[in-house]
Amino acid sequence: MQILAISPDSNERSQALAERLRARYRFLTDRDLTVTRRYGLVHARGGNKGQDVPRPTTVVIDRQGIVRWLSLADNIQVRPDPGDVARAVRGL
């Protein structure tokens, strides 16, 4: 199993967050939202200055690349329950 976090934040900012959270997963940078746009996960003009931002999304993908669980929110403060995510992962 591999966990990745994808963020438009700089590598430095993501690394600082990872250290503060003691995260044991990798943060990847999507500065220009290329990946976010490819998967249709942009919240157009949703940023505090009207800029496009990623919609908060959690995806569980199996080894064959099939999406098995998805949580998509419109609010950056909304995150899925960790227990729900863990159950989805255990179900693979």
N, C-alpha and C. Protein backbone atom coordinates (compact mmCIF):
# COMPACT_ATOMS: atom_id res chain seq x y z
N MET A 1 0.85 -1.17 0.00
CA MET A 1 0.00 0.00 0.00
C MET A 1 0.90 1.24 0.00
N GLN A 2 0.45 2.25 -0.75
CA GLN A 2 1.19 3.50 -0.80
C GLN A 2 0.20 4.65 -0.65
N ILE A 3 0.55 5.62 0.16
CA ILE A 3 -0.28 6.81 0.35
C ILE A 3 0.49 8.00 -0.20
N LEU A 4 -0.21 8.79 -1.03
CA LEU A 4 0.37 10.00 -1.60
C LEU A 4 -0.57 11.15 -1.35
N ALA A 5 -0.02 12.31 -1.07
CA ALA A 5 -0.80 13.54 -0.96
C ALA A 5 -0.35 14.44 -2.10
N ILE A 6 -1.31 14.98 -2.85
CA ILE A 6 -0.99 15.87 -3.97
C ILE A 6 -1.54 17.24 -3.63
N SER A 7 -0.66 18.25 -3.74
CA SER A 7 -1.02 19.60 -3.30
C SER A 7 -0.46 20.64 -4.26
N PRO A 8 -1.14 21.77 -4.41
CA PRO A 8 -0.57 22.86 -5.21
C PRO A 8 0.50 23.64 -4.46
N ASP A 9 0.68 23.34 -3.19
CA ASP A 9 1.69 24.04 -2.39
C ASP A 9 3.10 23.68 -2.83
N SER A 10 4.05 24.54 -2.51
CA SER A 10 5.45 24.29 -2.84
C SER A 10 5.96 23.07 -2.09
N ASN A 11 7.05 22.51 -2.60
CA ASN A 11 7.67 21.37 -1.91
C ASN A 11 8.05 21.73 -0.48
N GLU A 12 8.56 22.94 -0.29
CA GLU A 12 8.99 23.37 1.04
C GLU A 12 7.81 23.43 2.00
N ARG A 13 6.71 23.99 1.54
CA ARG A 13 5.53 24.10 2.41
C ARG A 13 4.95 22.71 2.71
N SER A 14 4.90 21.86 1.71
CA SER A 14 4.39 20.50 1.93
C SER A 14 5.29 19.72 2.88
N GLN A 15 6.60 19.89 2.73
CA GLN A 15 7.54 19.21 3.62
C GLN A 15 7.37 19.68 5.05
N ALA A 16 7.18 20.98 5.24
CA ALA A 16 6.97 21.52 6.59
C ALA A 16 5.69 20.94 7.20
N LEU A 17 4.63 20.84 6.39
CA LEU A 17 3.38 20.25 6.87
C LEU A 17 3.59 18.78 7.22
N ALA A 18 4.29 18.05 6.36
CA ALA A 18 4.54 16.63 6.62
C ALA A 18 5.30 16.44 7.93
N GLU A 19 6.28 17.29 8.17
CA GLU A 19 7.04 17.20 9.42
C GLU A 19 6.17 17.53 10.62
N ARG A 20 5.35 18.57 10.50
CA ARG A 20 4.46 18.96 11.60
C ARG A 20 3.44 17.86 11.91
N LEU A 21 2.94 17.19 10.87
CA LEU A 21 1.96 16.12 11.05
C LEU A 21 2.61 14.77 11.36
N ARG A 22 3.94 14.73 11.23
CA ARG A 22 4.67 13.46 11.35
C ARG A 22 4.11 12.44 10.36
N ALA A 23 3.84 12.94 9.17
CA ALA A 23 3.25 12.11 8.11
C ALA A 23 4.25 11.07 7.63
N ARG A 24 3.73 9.88 7.41
CA ARG A 24 4.57 8.80 6.90
C ARG A 24 4.20 8.49 5.45
N TYR A 25 3.85 9.54 4.73
CA TYR A 25 3.53 9.38 3.32
C TYR A 25 4.15 10.54 2.55
N ARG A 26 4.21 10.37 1.24
CA ARG A 26 4.86 11.37 0.39
C ARG A 26 3.89 12.45 -0.04
N PHE A 27 4.39 13.67 -0.12
CA PHE A 27 3.65 14.79 -0.67
C PHE A 27 4.20 15.07 -2.07
N LEU A 28 3.31 15.20 -3.03
CA LEU A 28 3.69 15.55 -4.39
C LEU A 28 3.12 16.92 -4.71
N THR A 29 3.83 17.69 -5.53
CA THR A 29 3.42 19.04 -5.86
C THR A 29 2.76 19.10 -7.22
N ASP A 30 1.62 19.79 -7.27
CA ASP A 30 0.88 20.04 -8.51
C ASP A 30 0.65 21.54 -8.63
N ARG A 31 1.74 22.30 -8.75
CA ARG A 31 1.70 23.77 -8.70
C ARG A 31 0.74 24.38 -9.72
N ASP A 32 0.72 23.84 -10.94
CA ASP A 32 -0.12 24.43 -11.98
C ASP A 32 -1.45 23.70 -12.16
N LEU A 33 -1.77 22.79 -11.23
CA LEU A 33 -3.03 22.04 -11.21
C LEU A 33 -3.21 21.12 -12.41
N THR A 34 -2.11 20.70 -13.05
CA THR A 34 -2.20 19.82 -14.21
C THR A 34 -2.89 18.51 -13.84
N VAL A 35 -2.46 17.88 -12.78
CA VAL A 35 -3.07 16.61 -12.34
C VAL A 35 -4.51 16.85 -11.89
N THR A 36 -4.70 17.92 -11.14
CA THR A 36 -6.03 18.26 -10.64
C THR A 36 -7.01 18.45 -11.79
N ARG A 37 -6.58 19.16 -12.82
CA ARG A 37 -7.45 19.39 -13.98
C ARG A 37 -7.70 18.09 -14.75
N ARG A 38 -6.67 17.27 -14.89
CA ARG A 38 -6.82 16.02 -15.64
C ARG A 38 -7.92 15.14 -15.05
N TYR A 39 -8.07 15.19 -13.74
CA TYR A 39 -9.07 14.35 -13.09
C TYR A 39 -10.36 15.10 -12.77
N GLY A 40 -10.49 16.33 -13.27
CA GLY A 40 -11.72 17.08 -13.09
C GLY A 40 -12.00 17.48 -11.65
N LEU A 41 -10.94 17.78 -10.91
CA LEU A 41 -11.07 18.07 -9.48
C LEU A 41 -10.81 19.53 -9.13
N VAL A 42 -10.98 20.42 -10.12
CA VAL A 42 -10.75 21.84 -9.88
C VAL A 42 -12.02 22.50 -9.35
N HIS A 43 -11.85 23.31 -8.31
CA HIS A 43 -12.92 24.17 -7.83
C HIS A 43 -12.63 25.54 -8.45
N ALA A 44 -13.29 25.82 -9.58
CA ALA A 44 -13.03 27.05 -10.33
C ALA A 44 -13.31 28.27 -9.46
N ARG A 45 -12.32 29.15 -9.40
CA ARG A 45 -12.41 30.41 -8.64
C ARG A 45 -12.77 30.18 -7.17
N GLY A 46 -12.39 29.03 -6.64
CA GLY A 46 -12.72 28.71 -5.25
C GLY A 46 -11.72 29.19 -4.23
N GLY A 47 -10.61 29.76 -4.68
CA GLY A 47 -9.59 30.26 -3.77
C GLY A 47 -9.99 31.59 -3.15
N ASN A 48 -9.30 31.96 -2.09
CA ASN A 48 -9.66 33.19 -1.39
C ASN A 48 -9.43 34.45 -2.23
N LYS A 49 -8.66 34.34 -3.31
CA LYS A 49 -8.45 35.47 -4.23
C LYS A 49 -9.10 35.19 -5.58
N GLY A 50 -10.03 34.23 -5.60
CA GLY A 50 -10.73 33.91 -6.83
C GLY A 50 -9.97 33.00 -7.78
N GLN A 51 -8.86 32.45 -7.33
CA GLN A 51 -8.08 31.56 -8.18
C GLN A 51 -8.66 30.14 -8.14
N ASP A 52 -8.35 29.36 -9.17
CA ASP A 52 -8.74 27.95 -9.19
C ASP A 52 -7.95 27.21 -8.13
N VAL A 53 -8.60 26.31 -7.43
CA VAL A 53 -7.96 25.49 -6.41
C VAL A 53 -8.48 24.06 -6.55
N PRO A 54 -7.73 23.09 -6.01
CA PRO A 54 -8.22 21.71 -6.05
C PRO A 54 -9.39 21.52 -5.09
N ARG A 55 -10.33 20.68 -5.47
CA ARG A 55 -11.38 20.28 -4.55
C ARG A 55 -10.78 19.23 -3.62
N PRO A 56 -11.06 19.30 -2.32
CA PRO A 56 -10.54 18.29 -1.40
C PRO A 56 -11.07 16.91 -1.81
N THR A 57 -10.15 16.02 -2.09
CA THR A 57 -10.52 14.70 -2.61
C THR A 57 -9.65 13.63 -1.97
N THR A 58 -10.28 12.53 -1.60
CA THR A 58 -9.56 11.35 -1.13
C THR A 58 -9.99 10.21 -2.02
N VAL A 59 -9.02 9.49 -2.57
CA VAL A 59 -9.30 8.41 -3.50
C VAL A 59 -8.55 7.16 -3.05
N VAL A 60 -9.23 6.03 -3.05
CA VAL A 60 -8.60 4.74 -2.80
C VAL A 60 -8.61 4.00 -4.14
N ILE A 61 -7.42 3.66 -4.61
CA ILE A 61 -7.25 3.01 -5.91
C ILE A 61 -6.59 1.66 -5.68
N ASP A 62 -7.11 0.61 -6.34
CA ASP A 62 -6.52 -0.71 -6.16
C ASP A 62 -5.29 -0.86 -7.05
N ARG A 63 -4.64 -2.01 -6.96
CA ARG A 63 -3.39 -2.24 -7.70
C ARG A 63 -3.58 -2.23 -9.22
N GLN A 64 -4.79 -2.44 -9.67
CA GLN A 64 -5.07 -2.40 -11.11
C GLN A 64 -5.43 -1.00 -11.59
N GLY A 65 -5.43 -0.03 -10.68
CA GLY A 65 -5.73 1.35 -11.04
C GLY A 65 -7.21 1.68 -11.04
N ILE A 66 -8.03 0.82 -10.45
CA ILE A 66 -9.47 1.03 -10.40
C ILE A 66 -9.83 1.79 -9.12
N VAL A 67 -10.60 2.86 -9.27
CA VAL A 67 -11.05 3.63 -8.10
C VAL A 67 -12.06 2.78 -7.35
N ARG A 68 -11.76 2.52 -6.08
CA ARG A 68 -12.63 1.69 -5.24
C ARG A 68 -13.40 2.49 -4.22
N TRP A 69 -12.95 3.72 -3.95
CA TRP A 69 -13.63 4.58 -2.97
C TRP A 69 -13.24 6.01 -3.26
N LEU A 70 -14.19 6.94 -3.12
CA LEU A 70 -13.93 8.33 -3.43
C LEU A 70 -14.71 9.23 -2.48
N SER A 71 -14.04 10.25 -1.97
CA SER A 71 -14.69 11.29 -1.17
C SER A 71 -14.30 12.62 -1.79
N LEU A 72 -15.31 13.39 -2.21
CA LEU A 72 -15.09 14.66 -2.88
C LEU A 72 -15.89 15.73 -2.16
N ALA A 73 -15.22 16.84 -1.80
CA ALA A 73 -15.89 17.90 -1.05
C ALA A 73 -15.76 19.24 -1.78
N ASP A 74 -16.66 20.16 -1.47
CA ASP A 74 -16.59 21.51 -2.02
C ASP A 74 -15.90 22.48 -1.06
N ASN A 75 -15.76 22.08 0.18
CA ASN A 75 -15.21 22.94 1.22
C ASN A 75 -13.84 22.41 1.63
N ILE A 76 -12.82 23.28 1.65
CA ILE A 76 -11.47 22.82 1.98
C ILE A 76 -11.34 22.32 3.42
N GLN A 77 -12.30 22.63 4.26
CA GLN A 77 -12.23 22.18 5.65
C GLN A 77 -12.91 20.83 5.85
N VAL A 78 -13.55 20.29 4.84
CA VAL A 78 -14.26 19.01 4.95
C VAL A 78 -13.33 17.89 4.51
N ARG A 79 -13.14 16.94 5.38
CA ARG A 79 -12.32 15.77 5.08
C ARG A 79 -13.11 14.52 5.48
N PRO A 80 -12.83 13.39 4.81
CA PRO A 80 -13.55 12.17 5.18
C PRO A 80 -13.11 11.65 6.54
N ASP A 81 -13.97 10.87 7.13
CA ASP A 81 -13.64 10.23 8.40
C ASP A 81 -12.50 9.23 8.15
N PRO A 82 -11.43 9.30 8.93
CA PRO A 82 -10.31 8.37 8.74
C PRO A 82 -10.74 6.90 8.82
N GLY A 83 -11.73 6.61 9.64
CA GLY A 83 -12.22 5.23 9.75
C GLY A 83 -12.83 4.75 8.44
N ASP A 84 -13.54 5.64 7.74
CA ASP A 84 -14.12 5.28 6.44
C ASP A 84 -13.03 4.97 5.42
N VAL A 85 -11.99 5.79 5.42
CA VAL A 85 -10.88 5.57 4.51
C VAL A 85 -10.18 4.24 4.84
N ALA A 86 -9.94 4.01 6.12
CA ALA A 86 -9.27 2.77 6.54
C ALA A 86 -10.09 1.54 6.13
N ARG A 87 -11.40 1.60 6.29
CA ARG A 87 -12.25 0.48 5.87
C ARG A 87 -12.16 0.24 4.38
N ALA A 88 -12.12 1.32 3.60
CA ALA A 88 -12.00 1.18 2.15
C ALA A 88 -10.69 0.52 1.77
N VAL A 89 -9.62 0.92 2.44
CA VAL A 89 -8.31 0.34 2.16
C VAL A 89 -8.28 -1.13 2.57
N ARG A 90 -8.81 -1.45 3.74
CA ARG A 90 -8.82 -2.85 4.17
C ARG A 90 -9.66 -3.73 3.25
N GLY A 91 -10.64 -3.12 2.58
CA GLY A 91 -11.50 -3.88 1.68
C GLY A 91 -10.85 -4.24 0.35
N LEU A 92 -9.65 -3.74 0.09
CA LEU A 92 -8.98 -4.05 -1.19
C LEU A 92 -8.52 -5.49 -1.25
